[in-house]
C-alpha atoms as a PDB file:
ATOM      1  CA  MET A   1      -3.255  27.993  18.520  1.00  0.00           C
ATOM      2  CA  GLN A   2      -3.565  24.547  20.097  1.00  0.00           C
ATOM      3  CA  HIS A   3      -4.407  23.105  16.674  1.00  0.00           C
ATOM      4  CA  GLN A   4      -1.300  24.653  15.181  1.00  0.00           C
ATOM      5  CA  VAL A   5       0.918  23.281  17.943  1.00  0.00           C
ATOM      6  CA  ASN A   6      -0.512  19.774  17.494  1.00  0.00           C
ATOM      7  CA  GLN A   7       0.449  19.883  13.802  1.00  0.00           C
ATOM      8  CA  THR A   8       4.122  20.019  14.752  1.00  0.00           C
ATOM      9  CA  THR A   9       4.033  17.217  17.331  1.00  0.00           C
ATOM     10  CA  GLY A  10       5.889  14.024  16.387  1.00  0.00           C
ATOM     11  CA  ILE A  11       7.007  15.305  12.979  1.00  0.00           C
ATOM     12  CA  LEU A  12      10.677  14.724  12.174  1.00  0.00           C
ATOM     13  CA  LEU A  13      12.923  16.361   9.612  1.00  0.00           C
ATOM     14  CA  VAL A  14      16.002  14.407   8.544  1.00  0.00           C
ATOM     15  CA  PHE A  15      18.933  16.588   7.475  1.00  0.00           C
ATOM     16  CA  VAL A  16      21.415  15.382   4.872  1.00  0.00           C
ATOM     17  CA  GLY A  17      24.089  17.877   5.931  1.00  0.00           C
ATOM     18  CA  PHE A  18      27.469  16.856   4.485  1.00  0.00           C
ATOM     19  CA  SER A  19      26.786  13.103   4.720  1.00  0.00           C
ATOM     20  CA  ASP A  20      27.483  12.722   0.994  1.00  0.00           C
ATOM     21  CA  TYR A  21      31.156  13.082   1.930  1.00  0.00           C
ATOM     22  CA  PRO A  22      31.724  10.561   4.750  1.00  0.00           C
ATOM     23  CA  ASN A  23      35.525  10.883   4.671  1.00  0.00           C
ATOM     24  CA  LEU A  24      35.230  14.610   5.378  1.00  0.00           C
ATOM     25  CA  GLN A  25      32.948  14.358   8.403  1.00  0.00           C
ATOM     26  CA  VAL A  26      35.689  14.432  11.063  1.00  0.00           C
ATOM     27  CA  PRO A  27      37.886  17.075   9.330  1.00  0.00           C
ATOM     28  CA  LEU A  28      34.832  19.287   8.792  1.00  0.00           C
ATOM     29  CA  PHE A  29      33.807  18.833  12.419  1.00  0.00           C
ATOM     30  CA  LEU A  30      37.239  19.961  13.619  1.00  0.00           C
ATOM     31  CA  ILE A  31      37.336  22.927  11.218  1.00  0.00           C
ATOM     32  CA  PHE A  32      33.844  24.134  12.141  1.00  0.00           C
ATOM     33  CA  LEU A  33      34.510  23.609  15.855  1.00  0.00           C
ATOM     34  CA  ILE A  34      37.652  25.752  15.659  1.00  0.00           C
ATOM     35  CA  ILE A  35      35.807  28.449  13.683  1.00  0.00           C
ATOM     36  CA  TYR A  36      32.951  28.443  16.191  1.00  0.00           C
ATOM     37  CA  ALA A  37      35.327  28.664  19.173  1.00  0.00           C
ATOM     38  CA  ILE A  38      37.248  31.548  17.573  1.00  0.00           C
ATOM     39  CA  THR A  39      33.965  33.316  16.724  1.00  0.00           C
ATOM     40  CA  VAL A  40      32.722  33.089  20.316  1.00  0.00           C
ATOM     41  CA  LEU A  41      36.034  34.302  21.758  1.00  0.00           C
ATOM     42  CA  GLU A  42      36.384  37.156  19.248  1.00  0.00           C
ATOM     43  CA  ASN A  43      32.868  38.519  19.640  1.00  0.00           C
ATOM     44  CA  LEU A  44      32.847  38.218  23.424  1.00  0.00           C
ATOM     45  CA  GLY A  45      36.295  39.818  23.420  1.00  0.00           C
ATOM     46  CA  MET A  46      35.090  42.685  21.228  1.00  0.00           C
ATOM     47  CA  ILE A  47      32.155  43.369  23.560  1.00  0.00           C
ATOM     48  CA  LEU A  48      34.493  43.266  26.579  1.00  0.00           C
ATOM     49  CA  VAL A  49      37.083  45.561  24.964  1.00  0.00           C
ATOM     50  CA  ILE A  50      34.433  48.137  24.037  1.00  0.00           C
ATOM     51  CA  ARG A  51      33.081  48.107  27.597  1.00  0.00           C
ATOM     52  CA  ILE A  52      36.518  48.434  29.216  1.00  0.00           C
ATOM     53  CA  ASN A  53      38.054  51.177  27.047  1.00  0.00           C
ATOM     54  CA  ALA A  54      36.390  54.567  27.637  1.00  0.00           C
ATOM     55  CA  LYS A  55      37.777  55.828  24.308  1.00  0.00           C
ATOM     56  CA  LEU A  56      35.510  53.317  22.569  1.00  0.00           C
ATOM     57  CA  HIS A  57      32.349  54.593  24.268  1.00  0.00           C
ATOM     58  CA  THR A  58      31.171  56.183  21.026  1.00  0.00           C
ATOM     59  CA  PRO A  59      28.016  55.543  18.965  1.00  0.00           C
ATOM     60  CA  MET A  60      29.940  53.583  16.317  1.00  0.00           C
ATOM     61  CA  TYR A  61      31.372  51.149  18.853  1.00  0.00           C
ATOM     62  CA  PHE A  62      28.085  51.007  20.731  1.00  0.00           C
ATOM     63  CA  PHE A  63      26.521  49.706  17.513  1.00  0.00           C
ATOM     64  CA  LEU A  64      29.523  47.441  16.905  1.00  0.00           C
ATOM     65  CA  SER A  65      29.125  45.819  20.328  1.00  0.00           C
ATOM     66  CA  HIS A  66      25.524  44.981  19.431  1.00  0.00           C
ATOM     67  CA  LEU A  67      26.607  43.688  16.014  1.00  0.00           C
ATOM     68  CA  SER A  68      29.067  41.388  17.804  1.00  0.00           C
ATOM     69  CA  PHE A  69      26.279  40.220  20.112  1.00  0.00           C
ATOM     70  CA  VAL A  70      23.969  39.463  17.160  1.00  0.00           C
ATOM     71  CA  ASP A  71      26.781  37.648  15.312  1.00  0.00           C
ATOM     72  CA  LEU A  72      27.471  35.588  18.430  1.00  0.00           C
ATOM     73  CA  CYS A  73      23.788  34.685  18.792  1.00  0.00           C
ATOM     74  CA  TYR A  74      23.399  33.778  15.121  1.00  0.00           C
ATOM     75  CA  THR A  75      26.409  31.485  14.913  1.00  0.00           C
ATOM     76  CA  THR A  76      25.304  29.857  18.197  1.00  0.00           C
ATOM     77  CA  VAL A  77      21.879  29.158  16.682  1.00  0.00           C
ATOM     78  CA  ILE A  78      23.421  27.395  13.654  1.00  0.00           C
ATOM     79  CA  ALA A  79      26.780  25.885  14.692  1.00  0.00           C
ATOM     80  CA  PRO A  80      25.806  23.363  17.429  1.00  0.00           C
ATOM     81  CA  LYS A  81      23.354  21.489  15.197  1.00  0.00           C
ATOM     82  CA  LEU A  82      25.838  21.516  12.302  1.00  0.00           C
ATOM     83  CA  LEU A  83      28.522  20.043  14.551  1.00  0.00           C
ATOM     84  CA  ASP A  84      26.051  17.465  15.844  1.00  0.00           C
ATOM     85  CA  LEU A  85      25.159  16.361  12.302  1.00  0.00           C
ATOM     86  CA  LEU A  86      28.838  15.715  11.557  1.00  0.00           C
ATOM     87  CA  ILE A  87      29.477  13.304  14.449  1.00  0.00           C
ATOM     88  CA  THR A  88      26.167  11.537  15.131  1.00  0.00           C
ATOM     89  CA  GLU A  89      24.236   9.015  13.086  1.00  0.00           C
ATOM     90  CA  ASP A  90      20.892  10.489  14.114  1.00  0.00           C
ATOM     91  CA  ARG A  91      20.360  13.360  11.686  1.00  0.00           C
ATOM     92  CA  SER A  92      16.757  14.034  12.618  1.00  0.00           C
ATOM     93  CA  MET A  93      15.276  17.102  14.254  1.00  0.00           C
ATOM     94  CA  SER A  94      11.727  17.729  15.391  1.00  0.00           C
ATOM     95  CA  LEU A  95       9.706  20.189  13.353  1.00  0.00           C
ATOM     96  CA  LYS A  96       9.077  22.203  16.508  1.00  0.00           C
ATOM     97  CA  GLY A  97      12.814  22.443  17.192  1.00  0.00           C
ATOM     98  CA  CYS A  98      13.439  23.348  13.563  1.00  0.00           C
ATOM     99  CA  ILE A  99      10.912  26.187  13.660  1.00  0.00           C
ATOM    100  CA  ILE A 100      12.474  27.489  16.881  1.00  0.00           C
ATOM    101  CA  GLN A 101      15.912  27.458  15.212  1.00  0.00           C
ATOM    102  CA  PHE A 102      14.457  29.289  12.220  1.00  0.00           C
ATOM    103  CA  TYR A 103      12.810  31.923  14.424  1.00  0.00           C
ATOM    104  CA  PHE A 104      16.000  32.907  16.246  1.00  0.00           C
ATOM    105  CA  GLY A 105      18.140  32.624  13.096  1.00  0.00           C
ATOM    106  CA  CYS A 106      15.745  34.827  11.133  1.00  0.00           C
ATOM    107  CA  ALA A 107      15.578  37.418  13.942  1.00  0.00           C
ATOM    108  CA  CYS A 108      19.396  37.562  14.037  1.00  0.00           C
ATOM    109  CA  VAL A 109      19.783  37.936  10.254  1.00  0.00           C
ATOM    110  CA  VAL A 110      17.229  40.763  10.003  1.00  0.00           C
ATOM    111  CA  THR A 111      18.673  42.511  13.055  1.00  0.00           C
ATOM    112  CA  GLN A 112      22.200  42.211  11.641  1.00  0.00           C
ATOM    113  CA  THR A 113      21.094  43.646   8.294  1.00  0.00           C
ATOM    114  CA  PHE A 114      19.550  46.758   9.836  1.00  0.00           C
ATOM    115  CA  MET A 115      22.350  47.131  12.393  1.00  0.00           C
ATOM    116  CA  LEU A 116      24.719  47.567   9.449  1.00  0.00           C
ATOM    117  CA  ALA A 117      22.320  50.156   8.001  1.00  0.00           C
ATOM    118  CA  VAL A 118      22.283  52.026  11.328  1.00  0.00           C
ATOM    119  CA  MET A 119      26.092  51.988  11.361  1.00  0.00           C
ATOM    120  CA  ALA A 120      26.095  53.469   7.838  1.00  0.00           C
ATOM    121  CA  TYR A 121      23.840  56.284   9.070  1.00  0.00           C
ATOM    122  CA  ASP A 122      26.241  56.828  11.967  1.00  0.00           C
ATOM    123  CA  ARG A 123      29.166  57.221   9.529  1.00  0.00           C
ATOM    124  CA  PHE A 124      27.058  59.655   7.488  1.00  0.00           C
ATOM    125  CA  VAL A 125      26.438  61.887  10.524  1.00  0.00           C
ATOM    126  CA  ALA A 126      30.070  61.624  11.707  1.00  0.00           C
ATOM    127  CA  ILE A 127      31.568  62.670   8.365  1.00  0.00           C
ATOM    128  CA  CYS A 128      28.924  65.057   7.020  1.00  0.00           C
ATOM    129  CA  ASN A 129      28.077  66.804  10.321  1.00  0.00           C
ATOM    130  CA  PRO A 130      31.148  66.325  12.556  1.00  0.00           C
ATOM    131  CA  LEU A 131      30.460  69.404  14.731  1.00  0.00           C
ATOM    132  CA  LEU A 132      26.926  68.208  15.545  1.00  0.00           C
ATOM    133  CA  TYR A 133      27.842  64.509  15.794  1.00  0.00           C
ATOM    134  CA  THR A 134      27.659  64.153  19.586  1.00  0.00           C
ATOM    135  CA  VAL A 135      24.362  66.052  19.661  1.00  0.00           C
ATOM    136  CA  ALA A 136      22.794  64.300  16.667  1.00  0.00           C
ATOM    137  CA  MET A 137      23.854  60.810  17.777  1.00  0.00           C
ATOM    138  CA  SER A 138      22.731  61.151  21.382  1.00  0.00           C
ATOM    139  CA  ARG A 139      22.582  58.170  23.737  1.00  0.00           C
ATOM    140  CA  ARG A 140      18.799  58.236  23.531  1.00  0.00           C
ATOM    141  CA  LEU A 141      18.795  58.089  19.713  1.00  0.00           C
ATOM    142  CA  CYS A 142      21.434  55.319  19.677  1.00  0.00           C
ATOM    143  CA  ALA A 143      19.378  53.278  22.155  1.00  0.00           C
ATOM    144  CA  LEU A 144      16.225  53.802  20.071  1.00  0.00           C
ATOM    145  CA  LEU A 145      17.973  52.769  16.844  1.00  0.00           C
ATOM    146  CA  VAL A 146      19.361  49.598  18.402  1.00  0.00           C
ATOM    147  CA  THR A 147      16.050  48.747  20.070  1.00  0.00           C
ATOM    148  CA  GLY A 148      14.283  49.298  16.750  1.00  0.00           C
ATOM    149  CA  THR A 149      16.555  46.836  14.926  1.00  0.00           C
ATOM    150  CA  TYR A 150      15.933  44.140  17.559  1.00  0.00           C
ATOM    151  CA  LEU A 151      12.182  44.720  17.541  1.00  0.00           C
ATOM    152  CA  TRP A 152      11.987  44.668  13.745  1.00  0.00           C
ATOM    153  CA  GLY A 153      14.050  41.475  13.601  1.00  0.00           C
ATOM    154  CA  GLY A 154      11.714  39.852  16.133  1.00  0.00           C
ATOM    155  CA  LEU A 155       8.608  41.063  14.281  1.00  0.00           C
ATOM    156  CA  CYS A 156       9.793  39.694  10.924  1.00  0.00           C
ATOM    157  CA  ALA A 157      10.703  36.357  12.511  1.00  0.00           C
ATOM    158  CA  THR A 158       7.338  36.182  14.295  1.00  0.00           C
ATOM    159  CA  THR A 159       5.419  36.930  11.087  1.00  0.00           C
ATOM    160  CA  LEU A 160       7.245  34.287   9.044  1.00  0.00           C
ATOM    161  CA  THR A 161       6.973  31.744  11.864  1.00  0.00           C
ATOM    162  CA  TYR A 162       3.206  32.331  11.989  1.00  0.00           C
ATOM    163  CA  PHE A 163       2.940  31.439   8.286  1.00  0.00           C
ATOM    164  CA  LEU A 164       5.013  28.289   8.884  1.00  0.00           C
ATOM    165  CA  LEU A 165       2.797  27.190  11.776  1.00  0.00           C
ATOM    166  CA  ALA A 166      -0.294  27.633   9.596  1.00  0.00           C
ATOM    167  CA  LEU A 167       0.875  24.839   7.277  1.00  0.00           C
ATOM    168  CA  SER A 168       0.326  21.079   7.529  1.00  0.00           C
ATOM    169  CA  TYR A 169       3.443  18.900   7.420  1.00  0.00           C
ATOM    170  CA  CYS A 170       4.358  15.371   6.331  1.00  0.00           C
ATOM    171  CA  ARG A 171       5.367  12.958   9.105  1.00  0.00           C
ATOM    172  CA  SER A 172       8.977  12.661   7.911  1.00  0.00           C
ATOM    173  CA  THR A 173      10.885  14.571   5.265  1.00  0.00           C
ATOM    174  CA  ILE A 174      14.508  14.482   4.092  1.00  0.00           C
ATOM    175  CA  ILE A 175      16.053  17.970   3.949  1.00  0.00           C
ATOM    176  CA  ASN A 176      19.167  18.438   1.813  1.00  0.00           C
ATOM    177  CA  HIS A 177      20.658  21.058   4.118  1.00  0.00           C
ATOM    178  CA  PHE A 178      22.129  21.355   7.626  1.00  0.00           C
ATOM    179  CA  CYS A 179      19.974  24.142   9.094  1.00  0.00           C
ATOM    180  CA  CYS A 180      16.350  25.236   9.207  1.00  0.00           C
ATOM    181  CA  GLU A 181      16.060  27.826   6.473  1.00  0.00           C
ATOM    182  CA  TYR A 182      12.606  28.932   5.370  1.00  0.00           C
ATOM    183  CA  SER A 183      12.808  27.015   2.089  1.00  0.00           C
ATOM    184  CA  ALA A 184      13.903  23.860   3.932  1.00  0.00           C
ATOM    185  CA  ILE A 185      10.902  23.942   6.272  1.00  0.00           C
ATOM    186  CA  ILE A 186       8.528  24.792   3.413  1.00  0.00           C
ATOM    187  CA  SER A 187       9.742  21.707   1.511  1.00  0.00           C
ATOM    188  CA  ALA A 188       8.372  19.537   4.339  1.00  0.00           C
ATOM    189  CA  ALA A 189       4.862  20.990   4.028  1.00  0.00           C
ATOM    190  CA  CYS A 190       2.048  18.844   2.615  1.00  0.00           C
ATOM    191  CA  SER A 191      -0.400  21.750   2.264  1.00  0.00           C
ATOM    192  CA  ASP A 192      -0.289  24.658  -0.183  1.00  0.00           C
ATOM    193  CA  SER A 193       2.621  26.898   0.805  1.00  0.00           C
ATOM    194  CA  SER A 194       2.235  29.573  -1.883  1.00  0.00           C
ATOM    195  CA  LEU A 195       0.969  32.205   0.592  1.00  0.00           C
ATOM    196  CA  SER A 196       3.891  31.514   2.943  1.00  0.00           C
ATOM    197  CA  GLN A 197       6.382  31.800   0.081  1.00  0.00           C
ATOM    198  CA  ILE A 198       4.876  35.118  -1.044  1.00  0.00           C
ATOM    199  CA  ALA A 199       5.049  36.449   2.528  1.00  0.00           C
ATOM    200  CA  CYS A 200       8.703  35.401   2.794  1.00  0.00           C
ATOM    201  CA  LEU A 201       9.551  36.963  -0.579  1.00  0.00           C
ATOM    202  CA  LEU A 202       7.866  40.275   0.296  1.00  0.00           C
ATOM    203  CA  ILE A 203       9.505  40.542   3.720  1.00  0.00           C
ATOM    204  CA  CYS A 204      12.957  39.636   2.345  1.00  0.00           C
ATOM    205  CA  MET A 205      12.631  42.109  -0.540  1.00  0.00           C
ATOM    206  CA  PHE A 206      11.421  44.882   1.762  1.00  0.00           C
ATOM    207  CA  ASN A 207      14.262  44.339   4.247  1.00  0.00           C
ATOM    208  CA  GLU A 208      16.954  44.095   1.586  1.00  0.00           C
ATOM    209  CA  ILE A 209      15.746  47.141  -0.371  1.00  0.00           C
ATOM    210  CA  CYS A 210      15.280  49.305   2.741  1.00  0.00           C
ATOM    211  CA  SER A 211      18.611  48.425   4.337  1.00  0.00           C
ATOM    212  CA  LEU A 212      20.555  48.793   1.071  1.00  0.00           C
ATOM    213  CA  LEU A 213      18.787  52.094   0.351  1.00  0.00           C
ATOM    214  CA  ILE A 214      19.847  53.507   3.737  1.00  0.00           C
ATOM    215  CA  ILE A 215      23.422  52.306   3.209  1.00  0.00           C
ATOM    216  CA  THR A 216      23.643  53.529  -0.407  1.00  0.00           C
ATOM    217  CA  VAL A 217      22.201  56.991   0.314  1.00  0.00           C
ATOM    218  CA  SER A 218      24.460  57.399   3.358  1.00  0.00           C
ATOM    219  CA  TYR A 219      27.639  56.559   1.454  1.00  0.00           C
ATOM    220  CA  VAL A 220      26.699  58.537  -1.664  1.00  0.00           C
ATOM    221  CA  VAL A 221      26.204  61.652   0.487  1.00  0.00           C
ATOM    222  CA  ILE A 222      29.466  60.883   2.334  1.00  0.00           C
ATOM    223  CA  PHE A 223      31.341  60.611  -0.979  1.00  0.00           C
ATOM    224  CA  ILE A 224      29.867  63.866  -2.322  1.00  0.00           C
ATOM    225  CA  THR A 225      30.654  65.674   0.945  1.00  0.00           C
ATOM    226  CA  VAL A 226      34.252  64.436   1.063  1.00  0.00           C
ATOM    227  CA  ILE A 227      34.882  65.307  -2.601  1.00  0.00           C
ATOM    228  CA  LYS A 228      33.919  68.927  -1.860  1.00  0.00           C
ATOM    229  CA  ILE A 229      36.372  69.209   1.059  1.00  0.00           C
ATOM    230  CA  PRO A 230      39.496  71.075  -0.121  1.00  0.00           C
ATOM    231  CA  THR A 231      41.692  69.532   2.589  1.00  0.00           C
ATOM    232  CA  LYS A 232      44.403  67.284   1.204  1.00  0.00           C
ATOM    233  CA  GLY A 233      43.889  63.637   2.059  1.00  0.00           C
ATOM    234  CA  ALA A 234      40.236  64.085   3.141  1.00  0.00           C
ATOM    235  CA  LEU A 235      39.027  61.356   0.775  1.00  0.00           C
ATOM    236  CA  GLN A 236      41.703  58.914   1.919  1.00  0.00           C
ATOM    237  CA  LYS A 237      40.874  59.577   5.586  1.00  0.00           C
ATOM    238  CA  ALA A 238      37.144  59.088   4.970  1.00  0.00           C
ATOM    239  CA  LEU A 239      37.755  55.847   3.069  1.00  0.00           C
ATOM    240  CA  SER A 240      40.009  54.617   5.869  1.00  0.00           C
ATOM    241  CA  THR A 241      37.249  55.357   8.408  1.00  0.00           C
ATOM    242  CA  CYS A 242      34.532  53.672   6.365  1.00  0.00           C
ATOM    243  CA  ALA A 243      36.544  50.759   4.934  1.00  0.00           C
ATOM    244  CA  PRO A 244      35.814  48.220   7.734  1.00  0.00           C
ATOM    245  CA  HIS A 245      32.084  48.925   7.592  1.00  0.00           C
ATOM    246  CA  LEU A 246      31.992  48.750   3.783  1.00  0.00           C
ATOM    247  CA  THR A 247      33.837  45.415   3.934  1.00  0.00           C
ATOM    248  CA  ALA A 248      31.310  44.004   6.425  1.00  0.00           C
ATOM    249  CA  ILE A 249      28.405  45.259   4.273  1.00  0.00           C
ATOM    250  CA  SER A 250      29.910  43.693   1.134  1.00  0.00           C
ATOM    251  CA  PHE A 251      30.219  40.297   2.841  1.00  0.00           C
ATOM    252  CA  CYS A 252      26.746  40.388   4.392  1.00  0.00           C
ATOM    253  CA  HIS A 253      24.659  41.623   1.469  1.00  0.00           C
ATOM    254  CA  GLY A 254      26.812  39.896  -1.136  1.00  0.00           C
ATOM    255  CA  ILE A 255      26.133  36.501   0.457  1.00  0.00           C
ATOM    256  CA  ILE A 256      22.400  37.251   0.897  1.00  0.00           C
ATOM    257  CA  LEU A 257      22.012  38.231  -2.757  1.00  0.00           C
ATOM    258  CA  LEU A 258      24.054  35.201  -3.847  1.00  0.00           C
ATOM    259  CA  LEU A 259      21.902  32.798  -1.804  1.00  0.00           C
ATOM    260  CA  TYR A 260      18.486  34.130  -2.765  1.00  0.00           C
ATOM    261  CA  CYS A 261      19.039  35.559  -6.265  1.00  0.00           C
ATOM    262  CA  VAL A 262      21.684  33.335  -7.879  1.00  0.00           C
ATOM    263  CA  LEU A 263      21.867  29.883  -6.269  1.00  0.00           C
ATOM    264  CA  LYS A 264      18.514  28.298  -7.040  1.00  0.00           C
ATOM    265  CA  SER A 265      19.076  25.083  -9.001  1.00  0.00           C
ATOM    266  CA  LYS A 266      19.405  21.654  -7.420  1.00  0.00           C
ATOM    267  CA  SER A 267      22.892  21.305  -8.926  1.00  0.00           C
ATOM    268  CA  SER A 268      24.084  24.124  -6.667  1.00  0.00           C
ATOM    269  CA  LEU A 269      22.889  22.614  -3.357  1.00  0.00           C
ATOM    270  CA  LEU A 270      26.452  21.911  -2.191  1.00  0.00           C
ATOM    271  CA  LEU A 271      27.431  25.483  -2.995  1.00  0.00           C
ATOM    272  CA  VAL A 272      24.369  26.712  -1.061  1.00  0.00           C
ATOM    273  CA  LYS A 273      25.583  24.772   1.992  1.00  0.00           C
ATOM    274  CA  ILE A 274      29.115  26.166   1.675  1.00  0.00           C
ATOM    275  CA  VAL A 275      27.849  29.734   1.278  1.00  0.00           C
ATOM    276  CA  THR A 276      25.500  29.279   4.250  1.00  0.00           C
ATOM    277  CA  VAL A 277      28.419  28.080   6.384  1.00  0.00           C
ATOM    278  CA  PHE A 278      30.374  31.140   5.297  1.00  0.00           C
ATOM    279  CA  TYR A 279      27.505  33.473   6.188  1.00  0.00           C
ATOM    280  CA  SER A 280      26.583  31.864   9.504  1.00  0.00           C
ATOM    281  CA  MET A 281      30.063  31.048  10.854  1.00  0.00           C
ATOM    282  CA  VAL A 282      32.894  32.673   8.890  1.00  0.00           C
ATOM    283  CA  ILE A 283      31.450  36.203   8.632  1.00  0.00           C
ATOM    284  CA  PRO A 284      30.734  36.400  12.399  1.00  0.00           C
ATOM    285  CA  MET A 285      34.363  35.332  12.902  1.00  0.00           C
ATOM    286  CA  LEU A 286      35.701  37.939  10.448  1.00  0.00           C
ATOM    287  CA  ASN A 287      33.656  40.957  11.606  1.00  0.00           C
ATOM    288  CA  PRO A 288      35.602  41.579  14.863  1.00  0.00           C
ATOM    289  CA  LEU A 289      38.870  41.301  12.921  1.00  0.00           C
ATOM    290  CA  ILE A 290      37.667  43.685  10.215  1.00  0.00           C
ATOM    291  CA  TYR A 291      36.766  46.354  12.761  1.00  0.00           C
ATOM    292  CA  SER A 292      39.710  45.921  15.114  1.00  0.00           C
ATOM    293  CA  LEU A 293      42.779  45.405  12.903  1.00  0.00           C
ATOM    294  CA  ARG A 294      43.107  49.105  12.034  1.00  0.00           C
ATOM    295  CA  ASN A 295      41.967  50.527  15.368  1.00  0.00           C
ATOM    296  CA  LYS A 296      44.796  51.444  17.740  1.00  0.00           C
ATOM    297  CA  ASP A 297      42.535  51.749  20.792  1.00  0.00           C
ATOM    298  CA  VAL A 298      41.137  48.235  20.315  1.00  0.00           C
ATOM    299  CA  LYS A 299      44.596  46.715  19.804  1.00  0.00           C
ATOM    300  CA  GLU A 300      46.002  48.568  22.812  1.00  0.00           C
ATOM    301  CA  THR A 301      43.165  47.359  25.064  1.00  0.00           C
ATOM    302  CA  VAL A 302      43.687  43.766  23.877  1.00  0.00           C
ATOM    303  CA  ARG A 303      47.425  44.035  24.653  1.00  0.00           C
ATOM    304  CA  LYS A 304      46.641  45.302  28.161  1.00  0.00           C
ATOM    305  CA  LEU A 305      44.181  42.456  28.791  1.00  0.00           C
ATOM    306  CA  ILE A 306      46.729  39.877  27.605  1.00  0.00           C
ATOM    307  CA  HIS A 307      49.425  41.486  29.749  1.00  0.00           C
ATOM    308  CA  ILE A 308      47.172  41.448  32.822  1.00  0.00           C
ATOM    309  CA  LYS A 309      46.290  37.790  32.154  1.00  0.00           C
ATOM    310  CA  ILE A 310      49.965  36.820  31.866  1.00  0.00           C
ATOM    311  CA  LEU A 311      50.812  38.680  35.069  1.00  0.00           C
ATOM    312  CA  SER A 312      47.954  37.042  36.986  1.00  0.00           C
ATOM    313  CA  GLN A 313      49.115  33.582  35.886  1.00  0.00           C
ATOM    314  CA  SER A 314      52.728  34.272  36.849  1.00  0.00           C
ATOM    315  CA  LEU A 315      51.829  35.403  40.394  1.00  0.00           C
END
């Protein structure tokens, strides 16, 4: 272990970021800072609203509060370094710091992916077995599902980090990106990285297939169940209930598939950066809005909090 640690000492990675567009550095900094601030406020606000309003103490919103927490953690892992790259001349980062950023970013992404799968399962139980919902989705099961997603995210990140630490690295490498993705760190390796790349591919494929399988099966069964219900408007009500979650899933998995299955050529590096910004900053900002805009209880709690804040300032 000591040998592996010594391999990362004194090694610097220099990030290009958006330096190819010097005139856009300040505008981009302001835009990303505003997005980051809104993301932090929205996700913290969502967690607070769910805790305050007893009507939101349901499995779905229990999972949503953890999704907001993971989104907050992920954007906080990525955004500060991105903002720093836009306003400072020193674009370097130690390999050790880069691997730490990768570890937490990877853990957040995997956890987020399976949290969405857990939420799909929750919708399946709620719609297909409404009478047994409170029994089936007990507090114990909800806690186990959430704990499992965190543990699996940590395990995947630990495994991939182990393979990164097993490599030898060049003293200084220019990285045409703004964050420490697996491919970016691998590009700085001087030793054979084929085993690490295979490990990354297998873990990514397994996670994507498993999470999408859970989501697809859940919603196929939901659709079949709703179609069989003779009640007028049952399909519309089910779609209205599931629409926010389906929107979040479409954003999350759509971006993942775009990044790792479509955007591969060097000519698309700028697009890779833009898509990564969207995934790491914009989606965490949009998720609270997606889930709260159509929920009366959430909007009512927010109004009460704003009203209390205004009253406290006026006294």
